[in-house]
Amino acid sequence: MSEVSVQTSVRAPVERVFASWNDEFQDIYKFNPGLSHSHILQDSPSSSGKGALRQCDMKDGKNWIREKVIGYQKNKQLVIDVYDSTMPVKSAMGTLDFGSDGPNQTSVRMTMQFEPKMGILGKLMIPMMKKQFASMLQELLDGNAAYVESGTQANETLTAA
């Protein structure tokens, strides 16, 4: 599997930052600029925490991903498996690590491991995919920071720019 990692710092307590990813699991579209919508799936055993299932619909109107929380350590880590998708990846898993850097400062590191579809052609595309994924993940972390720090939603950020 290939891997890409990004990180950011959020001016908020770790509990609030973690809650924006976990307690609001169905609402990732609010801070992910690549999504038009997201929702909890009907067969999800819960709306947050280990086992929660969601679908994220991409802004292009054609593509989507389905994700499951497979690892959970409150205020420390979330591990999310992309178990179904229209995207060109055979498998993908994202790990979010949260660290308290003080009462109102949180570090967030996101690592994504992925394996592309399309056999040898997919393997040749890995360097390009890593750059694209790093950019997308950084935008996601930046969107989350803006959402947690000031309540700015992804669509608001795009229209204000």
N, C-alpha and C. Protein backbone atom coordinates (compact mmCIF):
# COMPACT_ATOMS: atom_id res chain seq x y z
N MET A 1 0.83 -1.19 0.00
CA MET A 1 0.00 0.00 0.00
C MET A 1 0.87 1.24 0.00
N SER A 2 0.37 2.27 -0.66
CA SER A 2 1.05 3.56 -0.65
C SER A 2 0.51 4.40 0.50
N GLU A 3 1.28 5.40 0.90
CA GLU A 3 0.89 6.19 2.06
C GLU A 3 1.20 7.66 1.83
N VAL A 4 0.31 8.50 2.34
CA VAL A 4 0.51 9.95 2.33
C VAL A 4 0.03 10.49 3.67
N SER A 5 0.74 11.52 4.19
CA SER A 5 0.42 12.09 5.50
C SER A 5 0.43 13.60 5.43
N VAL A 6 -0.51 14.22 6.15
CA VAL A 6 -0.56 15.68 6.28
C VAL A 6 -0.89 16.01 7.73
N GLN A 7 -0.64 17.24 8.12
CA GLN A 7 -0.96 17.63 9.50
C GLN A 7 -1.29 19.11 9.58
N THR A 8 -1.95 19.46 10.67
CA THR A 8 -2.28 20.85 10.92
C THR A 8 -2.40 21.07 12.42
N SER A 9 -2.57 22.31 12.79
CA SER A 9 -2.79 22.68 14.18
C SER A 9 -4.10 23.46 14.24
N VAL A 10 -4.93 23.14 15.21
CA VAL A 10 -6.24 23.78 15.36
C VAL A 10 -6.28 24.50 16.69
N ARG A 11 -6.73 25.76 16.66
CA ARG A 11 -6.84 26.55 17.89
C ARG A 11 -8.16 26.21 18.60
N ALA A 12 -8.15 25.05 19.26
CA ALA A 12 -9.32 24.59 20.01
C ALA A 12 -8.89 23.40 20.86
N PRO A 13 -9.62 23.12 21.93
CA PRO A 13 -9.29 21.96 22.76
C PRO A 13 -9.44 20.65 21.97
N VAL A 14 -8.64 19.66 22.31
CA VAL A 14 -8.65 18.38 21.61
C VAL A 14 -10.05 17.74 21.63
N GLU A 15 -10.78 17.92 22.72
CA GLU A 15 -12.12 17.33 22.82
C GLU A 15 -13.06 17.89 21.75
N ARG A 16 -12.95 19.18 21.49
CA ARG A 16 -13.82 19.82 20.49
C ARG A 16 -13.42 19.41 19.07
N VAL A 17 -12.12 19.32 18.82
CA VAL A 17 -11.64 18.92 17.49
C VAL A 17 -12.04 17.47 17.22
N PHE A 18 -11.81 16.59 18.18
CA PHE A 18 -12.17 15.19 18.01
C PHE A 18 -13.68 15.05 17.77
N ALA A 19 -14.48 15.78 18.53
CA ALA A 19 -15.95 15.72 18.38
C ALA A 19 -16.38 16.13 16.98
N SER A 20 -15.67 17.07 16.35
CA SER A 20 -16.06 17.51 15.01
C SER A 20 -15.90 16.38 13.99
N TRP A 21 -14.99 15.46 14.25
CA TRP A 21 -14.78 14.31 13.37
C TRP A 21 -15.66 13.14 13.75
N ASN A 22 -15.89 12.92 15.05
CA ASN A 22 -16.61 11.74 15.52
C ASN A 22 -18.09 12.02 15.78
N ASP A 23 -18.40 12.94 16.69
CA ASP A 23 -19.80 13.20 17.04
C ASP A 23 -20.58 13.73 15.85
N GLU A 24 -19.91 14.44 14.96
CA GLU A 24 -20.55 14.98 13.76
C GLU A 24 -20.12 14.16 12.53
N PHE A 25 -19.95 12.86 12.70
CA PHE A 25 -19.45 11.97 11.65
C PHE A 25 -20.23 12.12 10.35
N GLN A 26 -21.55 12.23 10.46
CA GLN A 26 -22.39 12.36 9.27
C GLN A 26 -22.24 13.71 8.59
N ASP A 27 -21.68 14.69 9.26
CA ASP A 27 -21.62 16.06 8.75
C ASP A 27 -20.27 16.47 8.20
N ILE A 28 -19.44 15.54 7.79
CA ILE A 28 -18.11 15.88 7.28
C ILE A 28 -18.20 16.83 6.08
N TYR A 29 -19.30 16.76 5.34
CA TYR A 29 -19.47 17.66 4.19
C TYR A 29 -19.42 19.13 4.61
N LYS A 30 -19.71 19.42 5.86
CA LYS A 30 -19.69 20.82 6.32
C LYS A 30 -18.30 21.42 6.27
N PHE A 31 -17.26 20.58 6.39
CA PHE A 31 -15.90 21.13 6.35
C PHE A 31 -15.01 20.50 5.29
N ASN A 32 -15.53 19.55 4.52
CA ASN A 32 -14.75 18.94 3.44
C ASN A 32 -15.12 19.60 2.12
N PRO A 33 -14.23 20.42 1.55
CA PRO A 33 -14.57 21.15 0.33
C PRO A 33 -14.79 20.26 -0.89
N GLY A 34 -14.44 18.98 -0.82
CA GLY A 34 -14.63 18.08 -1.95
C GLY A 34 -15.98 17.38 -1.96
N LEU A 35 -16.79 17.60 -0.92
CA LEU A 35 -18.06 16.89 -0.80
C LEU A 35 -19.27 17.81 -1.00
N SER A 36 -20.31 17.25 -1.58
CA SER A 36 -21.58 17.98 -1.66
C SER A 36 -22.49 17.59 -0.51
N HIS A 37 -22.35 16.35 -0.01
CA HIS A 37 -23.20 15.87 1.08
C HIS A 37 -22.57 14.63 1.70
N SER A 38 -22.99 14.32 2.92
CA SER A 38 -22.60 13.08 3.58
C SER A 38 -23.73 12.70 4.53
N HIS A 39 -23.88 11.40 4.78
CA HIS A 39 -24.94 10.94 5.67
C HIS A 39 -24.61 9.56 6.24
N ILE A 40 -25.23 9.26 7.38
CA ILE A 40 -25.09 7.95 8.00
C ILE A 40 -25.92 6.97 7.18
N LEU A 41 -25.37 5.79 6.95
CA LEU A 41 -26.09 4.76 6.19
C LEU A 41 -27.13 4.06 7.07
N GLN A 42 -28.19 3.60 6.45
CA GLN A 42 -29.30 2.98 7.19
C GLN A 42 -28.87 1.79 8.03
N ASP A 43 -27.90 1.00 7.54
CA ASP A 43 -27.49 -0.19 8.28
C ASP A 43 -26.36 0.09 9.28
N SER A 44 -26.09 1.37 9.54
CA SER A 44 -25.06 1.73 10.51
C SER A 44 -25.54 1.41 11.92
N PRO A 45 -24.72 0.74 12.73
CA PRO A 45 -25.13 0.42 14.10
C PRO A 45 -25.18 1.65 15.01
N SER A 46 -24.51 2.74 14.61
CA SER A 46 -24.54 3.97 15.40
C SER A 46 -24.18 5.14 14.49
N SER A 47 -24.34 6.34 15.00
CA SER A 47 -24.02 7.52 14.19
C SER A 47 -22.62 8.05 14.45
N SER A 48 -21.89 7.42 15.38
CA SER A 48 -20.51 7.81 15.65
C SER A 48 -19.80 6.64 16.32
N GLY A 49 -18.50 6.78 16.47
CA GLY A 49 -17.71 5.75 17.13
C GLY A 49 -17.48 4.53 16.26
N LYS A 50 -16.86 3.53 16.84
CA LYS A 50 -16.50 2.32 16.11
C LYS A 50 -17.74 1.66 15.51
N GLY A 51 -17.64 1.34 14.22
CA GLY A 51 -18.74 0.70 13.52
C GLY A 51 -19.62 1.64 12.73
N ALA A 52 -19.54 2.94 12.98
CA ALA A 52 -20.39 3.90 12.26
C ALA A 52 -20.09 3.85 10.76
N LEU A 53 -21.15 3.93 9.96
CA LEU A 53 -21.03 3.87 8.50
C LEU A 53 -21.60 5.14 7.89
N ARG A 54 -20.89 5.67 6.90
CA ARG A 54 -21.41 6.85 6.21
C ARG A 54 -21.11 6.77 4.73
N GLN A 55 -21.87 7.58 3.99
CA GLN A 55 -21.58 7.77 2.57
C GLN A 55 -21.26 9.24 2.36
N CYS A 56 -20.23 9.48 1.58
CA CYS A 56 -19.81 10.83 1.22
C CYS A 56 -19.99 10.98 -0.29
N ASP A 57 -20.78 11.97 -0.69
CA ASP A 57 -21.02 12.24 -2.11
C ASP A 57 -20.11 13.38 -2.57
N MET A 58 -19.36 13.12 -3.63
CA MET A 58 -18.40 14.09 -4.14
C MET A 58 -19.12 15.23 -4.88
N LYS A 59 -18.45 16.36 -4.92
CA LYS A 59 -19.01 17.55 -5.59
C LYS A 59 -19.24 17.35 -7.08
N ASP A 60 -18.56 16.39 -7.71
CA ASP A 60 -18.72 16.19 -9.14
C ASP A 60 -20.10 15.61 -9.49
N GLY A 61 -20.85 15.17 -8.46
CA GLY A 61 -22.20 14.65 -8.68
C GLY A 61 -22.25 13.21 -9.16
N LYS A 62 -21.10 12.59 -9.40
CA LYS A 62 -21.07 11.22 -9.92
C LYS A 62 -20.44 10.24 -8.93
N ASN A 63 -19.45 10.67 -8.20
CA ASN A 63 -18.68 9.76 -7.38
C ASN A 63 -19.06 9.84 -5.90
N TRP A 64 -18.81 8.73 -5.21
CA TRP A 64 -19.10 8.63 -3.78
C TRP A 64 -18.14 7.63 -3.15
N ILE A 65 -18.05 7.72 -1.82
CA ILE A 65 -17.30 6.72 -1.06
C ILE A 65 -18.14 6.32 0.16
N ARG A 66 -17.97 5.09 0.58
CA ARG A 66 -18.62 4.60 1.80
C ARG A 66 -17.51 4.24 2.78
N GLU A 67 -17.69 4.71 4.01
CA GLU A 67 -16.65 4.58 5.02
C GLU A 67 -17.20 3.95 6.30
N LYS A 68 -16.29 3.29 7.02
CA LYS A 68 -16.63 2.67 8.29
C LYS A 68 -15.54 3.00 9.30
N VAL A 69 -15.94 3.41 10.50
CA VAL A 69 -14.97 3.63 11.58
C VAL A 69 -14.55 2.25 12.10
N ILE A 70 -13.26 1.93 11.94
CA ILE A 70 -12.78 0.61 12.37
C ILE A 70 -11.84 0.72 13.58
N GLY A 71 -11.45 1.93 13.93
CA GLY A 71 -10.59 2.15 15.10
C GLY A 71 -11.04 3.41 15.81
N TYR A 72 -11.08 3.36 17.14
CA TYR A 72 -11.59 4.48 17.91
C TYR A 72 -10.91 4.54 19.27
N GLN A 73 -10.24 5.66 19.53
CA GLN A 73 -9.71 5.97 20.85
C GLN A 73 -10.11 7.41 21.13
N LYS A 74 -11.04 7.60 22.04
CA LYS A 74 -11.60 8.92 22.30
C LYS A 74 -10.52 9.98 22.50
N ASN A 75 -10.66 11.08 21.74
CA ASN A 75 -9.77 12.23 21.79
C ASN A 75 -8.33 11.93 21.37
N LYS A 76 -8.10 10.73 20.81
CA LYS A 76 -6.75 10.35 20.40
C LYS A 76 -6.67 9.90 18.94
N GLN A 77 -7.61 9.03 18.52
CA GLN A 77 -7.47 8.47 17.17
C GLN A 77 -8.79 7.95 16.61
N LEU A 78 -8.96 8.16 15.32
CA LEU A 78 -10.03 7.55 14.53
C LEU A 78 -9.38 6.88 13.33
N VAL A 79 -9.79 5.65 13.03
CA VAL A 79 -9.32 4.95 11.84
C VAL A 79 -10.55 4.66 10.99
N ILE A 80 -10.51 5.12 9.74
CA ILE A 80 -11.68 5.04 8.86
C ILE A 80 -11.30 4.25 7.61
N ASP A 81 -12.06 3.19 7.37
CA ASP A 81 -11.85 2.32 6.21
C ASP A 81 -12.80 2.73 5.09
N VAL A 82 -12.26 2.97 3.90
CA VAL A 82 -13.09 3.19 2.71
C VAL A 82 -13.37 1.80 2.16
N TYR A 83 -14.59 1.30 2.41
CA TYR A 83 -14.90 -0.08 2.04
C TYR A 83 -15.65 -0.22 0.72
N ASP A 84 -16.11 0.88 0.15
CA ASP A 84 -16.78 0.84 -1.15
C ASP A 84 -16.67 2.23 -1.77
N SER A 85 -16.51 2.27 -3.09
CA SER A 85 -16.26 3.56 -3.72
C SER A 85 -16.38 3.48 -5.23
N THR A 86 -16.70 4.61 -5.84
CA THR A 86 -16.64 4.73 -7.30
C THR A 86 -15.29 5.31 -7.72
N MET A 87 -14.44 5.62 -6.78
CA MET A 87 -13.14 6.22 -7.04
C MET A 87 -12.14 5.14 -7.51
N PRO A 88 -11.01 5.55 -8.11
CA PRO A 88 -10.06 4.57 -8.64
C PRO A 88 -9.12 3.96 -7.60
N VAL A 89 -9.68 3.59 -6.44
CA VAL A 89 -8.88 2.93 -5.41
C VAL A 89 -9.50 1.58 -5.06
N LYS A 90 -8.64 0.58 -4.96
CA LYS A 90 -9.08 -0.76 -4.58
C LYS A 90 -9.38 -0.79 -3.09
N SER A 91 -8.52 -0.12 -2.33
CA SER A 91 -8.71 -0.03 -0.88
C SER A 91 -8.06 1.25 -0.39
N ALA A 92 -8.61 1.77 0.71
CA ALA A 92 -8.04 2.97 1.33
C ALA A 92 -8.44 3.00 2.80
N MET A 93 -7.53 3.53 3.60
CA MET A 93 -7.79 3.67 5.03
C MET A 93 -7.15 4.96 5.51
N GLY A 94 -7.92 5.75 6.26
CA GLY A 94 -7.41 6.99 6.81
C GLY A 94 -7.31 6.91 8.32
N THR A 95 -6.20 7.39 8.85
CA THR A 95 -6.01 7.43 10.30
C THR A 95 -5.84 8.87 10.72
N LEU A 96 -6.67 9.30 11.66
CA LEU A 96 -6.59 10.64 12.23
C LEU A 96 -6.03 10.51 13.64
N ASP A 97 -4.90 11.15 13.88
CA ASP A 97 -4.29 11.17 15.21
C ASP A 97 -4.40 12.58 15.78
N PHE A 98 -4.90 12.67 17.01
CA PHE A 98 -5.14 13.95 17.67
C PHE A 98 -4.21 14.08 18.87
N GLY A 99 -3.61 15.26 19.03
CA GLY A 99 -2.75 15.50 20.18
C GLY A 99 -3.04 16.85 20.79
N SER A 100 -3.11 16.89 22.10
CA SER A 100 -3.33 18.15 22.80
C SER A 100 -2.00 18.86 22.96
N ASP A 101 -1.91 20.08 22.42
CA ASP A 101 -0.71 20.89 22.54
C ASP A 101 -0.93 22.03 23.53
N GLY A 102 -1.90 21.87 24.42
CA GLY A 102 -2.27 22.88 25.39
C GLY A 102 -3.78 22.91 25.50
N PRO A 103 -4.32 23.78 26.38
CA PRO A 103 -5.76 23.79 26.60
C PRO A 103 -6.58 24.21 25.37
N ASN A 104 -5.99 25.00 24.48
CA ASN A 104 -6.72 25.47 23.30
C ASN A 104 -5.92 25.27 22.02
N GLN A 105 -5.17 24.19 21.94
CA GLN A 105 -4.35 23.92 20.76
C GLN A 105 -4.30 22.41 20.54
N THR A 106 -4.67 21.98 19.33
CA THR A 106 -4.69 20.56 19.01
C THR A 106 -3.94 20.30 17.72
N SER A 107 -3.08 19.30 17.72
CA SER A 107 -2.43 18.88 16.49
C SER A 107 -3.23 17.72 15.90
N VAL A 108 -3.40 17.76 14.59
CA VAL A 108 -4.13 16.70 13.89
C VAL A 108 -3.23 16.21 12.76
N ARG A 109 -3.02 14.91 12.73
CA ARG A 109 -2.24 14.29 11.66
C ARG A 109 -3.15 13.28 10.98
N MET A 110 -3.22 13.36 9.66
CA MET A 110 -4.02 12.41 8.89
C MET A 110 -3.11 11.64 7.96
N THR A 111 -3.17 10.32 8.07
CA THR A 111 -2.39 9.43 7.22
C THR A 111 -3.36 8.58 6.42
N MET A 112 -3.13 8.53 5.12
CA MET A 112 -3.97 7.72 4.26
C MET A 112 -3.13 6.66 3.58
N GLN A 113 -3.57 5.44 3.71
CA GLN A 113 -2.94 4.33 2.99
C GLN A 113 -3.92 3.91 1.90
N PHE A 114 -3.40 3.67 0.70
CA PHE A 114 -4.29 3.32 -0.40
C PHE A 114 -3.61 2.40 -1.40
N GLU A 115 -4.45 1.66 -2.09
CA GLU A 115 -4.01 0.81 -3.19
C GLU A 115 -4.90 1.13 -4.39
N PRO A 116 -4.31 1.56 -5.49
CA PRO A 116 -5.13 1.94 -6.65
C PRO A 116 -5.69 0.72 -7.39
N LYS A 117 -6.78 0.97 -8.11
CA LYS A 117 -7.32 -0.03 -9.05
C LYS A 117 -6.46 0.00 -10.31
N MET A 118 -6.79 -0.78 -11.28
CA MET A 118 -6.20 -0.76 -12.63
C MET A 118 -4.82 -1.41 -12.72
N GLY A 119 -4.52 -2.35 -11.85
CA GLY A 119 -3.29 -3.13 -11.97
C GLY A 119 -2.03 -2.30 -12.13
N ILE A 120 -1.23 -2.65 -13.16
CA ILE A 120 0.06 -1.99 -13.38
C ILE A 120 -0.12 -0.52 -13.71
N LEU A 121 -1.17 -0.18 -14.45
CA LEU A 121 -1.44 1.23 -14.77
C LEU A 121 -1.68 2.02 -13.48
N GLY A 122 -2.44 1.43 -12.56
CA GLY A 122 -2.68 2.07 -11.27
C GLY A 122 -1.40 2.29 -10.50
N LYS A 123 -0.52 1.30 -10.54
CA LYS A 123 0.77 1.43 -9.83
C LYS A 123 1.61 2.56 -10.43
N LEU A 124 1.54 2.73 -11.74
CA LEU A 124 2.27 3.82 -12.39
C LEU A 124 1.70 5.19 -12.01
N MET A 125 0.43 5.21 -11.62
CA MET A 125 -0.23 6.47 -11.25
C MET A 125 -0.01 6.86 -9.79
N ILE A 126 0.63 6.00 -9.00
CA ILE A 126 0.79 6.26 -7.57
C ILE A 126 1.45 7.60 -7.27
N PRO A 127 2.56 7.99 -7.92
CA PRO A 127 3.15 9.30 -7.59
C PRO A 127 2.17 10.47 -7.81
N MET A 128 1.42 10.44 -8.90
CA MET A 128 0.44 11.49 -9.15
C MET A 128 -0.69 11.44 -8.11
N MET A 129 -1.14 10.23 -7.79
CA MET A 129 -2.22 10.07 -6.81
C MET A 129 -1.78 10.56 -5.43
N LYS A 130 -0.53 10.29 -5.06
CA LYS A 130 -0.04 10.75 -3.76
C LYS A 130 -0.10 12.27 -3.66
N LYS A 131 0.30 12.96 -4.73
CA LYS A 131 0.25 14.42 -4.73
C LYS A 131 -1.19 14.91 -4.62
N GLN A 132 -2.09 14.29 -5.38
CA GLN A 132 -3.50 14.69 -5.34
C GLN A 132 -4.11 14.42 -3.97
N PHE A 133 -3.85 13.24 -3.42
CA PHE A 133 -4.39 12.91 -2.10
C PHE A 133 -3.83 13.84 -1.03
N ALA A 134 -2.54 14.15 -1.08
CA ALA A 134 -1.95 15.06 -0.08
C ALA A 134 -2.63 16.41 -0.14
N SER A 135 -2.88 16.92 -1.33
CA SER A 135 -3.55 18.21 -1.49
C SER A 135 -4.99 18.14 -0.97
N MET A 136 -5.72 17.09 -1.33
CA MET A 136 -7.11 16.93 -0.88
C MET A 136 -7.19 16.80 0.65
N LEU A 137 -6.29 16.02 1.22
CA LEU A 137 -6.31 15.82 2.67
C LEU A 137 -5.94 17.10 3.41
N GLN A 138 -5.00 17.87 2.87
CA GLN A 138 -4.64 19.13 3.51
C GLN A 138 -5.81 20.10 3.47
N GLU A 139 -6.53 20.14 2.34
CA GLU A 139 -7.73 20.98 2.25
C GLU A 139 -8.78 20.52 3.26
N LEU A 140 -8.90 19.22 3.46
CA LEU A 140 -9.84 18.69 4.44
C LEU A 140 -9.45 19.13 5.85
N LEU A 141 -8.17 18.98 6.22
CA LEU A 141 -7.73 19.41 7.55
C LEU A 141 -7.90 20.91 7.73
N ASP A 142 -7.57 21.69 6.70
CA ASP A 142 -7.74 23.14 6.79
C ASP A 142 -9.21 23.51 6.92
N GLY A 143 -10.08 22.79 6.20
CA GLY A 143 -11.52 23.02 6.30
C GLY A 143 -12.04 22.70 7.69
N ASN A 144 -11.52 21.63 8.28
CA ASN A 144 -11.93 21.27 9.63
C ASN A 144 -11.48 22.32 10.63
N ALA A 145 -10.24 22.82 10.48
CA ALA A 145 -9.73 23.86 11.39
C ALA A 145 -10.62 25.11 11.32
N ALA A 146 -10.98 25.53 10.11
CA ALA A 146 -11.83 26.72 9.95
C ALA A 146 -13.21 26.47 10.56
N TYR A 147 -13.73 25.27 10.41
CA TYR A 147 -15.04 24.91 10.94
C TYR A 147 -15.02 24.93 12.48
N VAL A 148 -14.00 24.32 13.07
CA VAL A 148 -13.92 24.24 14.53
C VAL A 148 -13.61 25.61 15.13
N GLU A 149 -12.68 26.35 14.52
CA GLU A 149 -12.26 27.64 15.09
C GLU A 149 -13.29 28.74 14.93
N SER A 150 -14.00 28.76 13.80
CA SER A 150 -14.90 29.90 13.56
C SER A 150 -16.29 29.52 13.04
N GLY A 151 -16.55 28.21 12.87
CA GLY A 151 -17.86 27.79 12.38
C GLY A 151 -18.02 27.91 10.87
N THR A 152 -16.93 28.27 10.17
CA THR A 152 -16.99 28.43 8.71
C THR A 152 -17.15 27.07 8.06
N GLN A 153 -18.18 26.95 7.21
CA GLN A 153 -18.41 25.71 6.49
C GLN A 153 -17.70 25.76 5.14
N ALA A 154 -17.40 24.60 4.59
CA ALA A 154 -16.63 24.49 3.36
C ALA A 154 -17.21 25.32 2.22
N ASN A 155 -18.52 25.27 2.02
CA ASN A 155 -19.14 26.05 0.95
C ASN A 155 -19.00 27.55 1.18
N GLU A 156 -19.04 27.96 2.44
CA GLU A 156 -18.85 29.37 2.76
C GLU A 156 -17.43 29.81 2.42
N THR A 157 -16.46 28.92 2.68
CA THR A 157 -15.07 29.22 2.38
C THR A 157 -14.88 29.41 0.88
N LEU A 158 -15.50 28.53 0.09
CA LEU A 158 -15.35 28.60 -1.37
C LEU A 158 -15.99 29.86 -1.94
N THR A 159 -17.16 30.24 -1.42
CA THR A 159 -17.82 31.41 -1.99
C THR A 159 -17.17 32.71 -1.52
N ALA A 160 -16.50 32.66 -0.37
CA ALA A 160 -15.84 33.86 0.13
C ALA A 160 -14.51 34.11 -0.59
N ALA A 161 -13.95 33.07 -1.16
CA ALA A 161 -12.64 33.20 -1.81
C ALA A 161 -12.74 33.85 -3.18
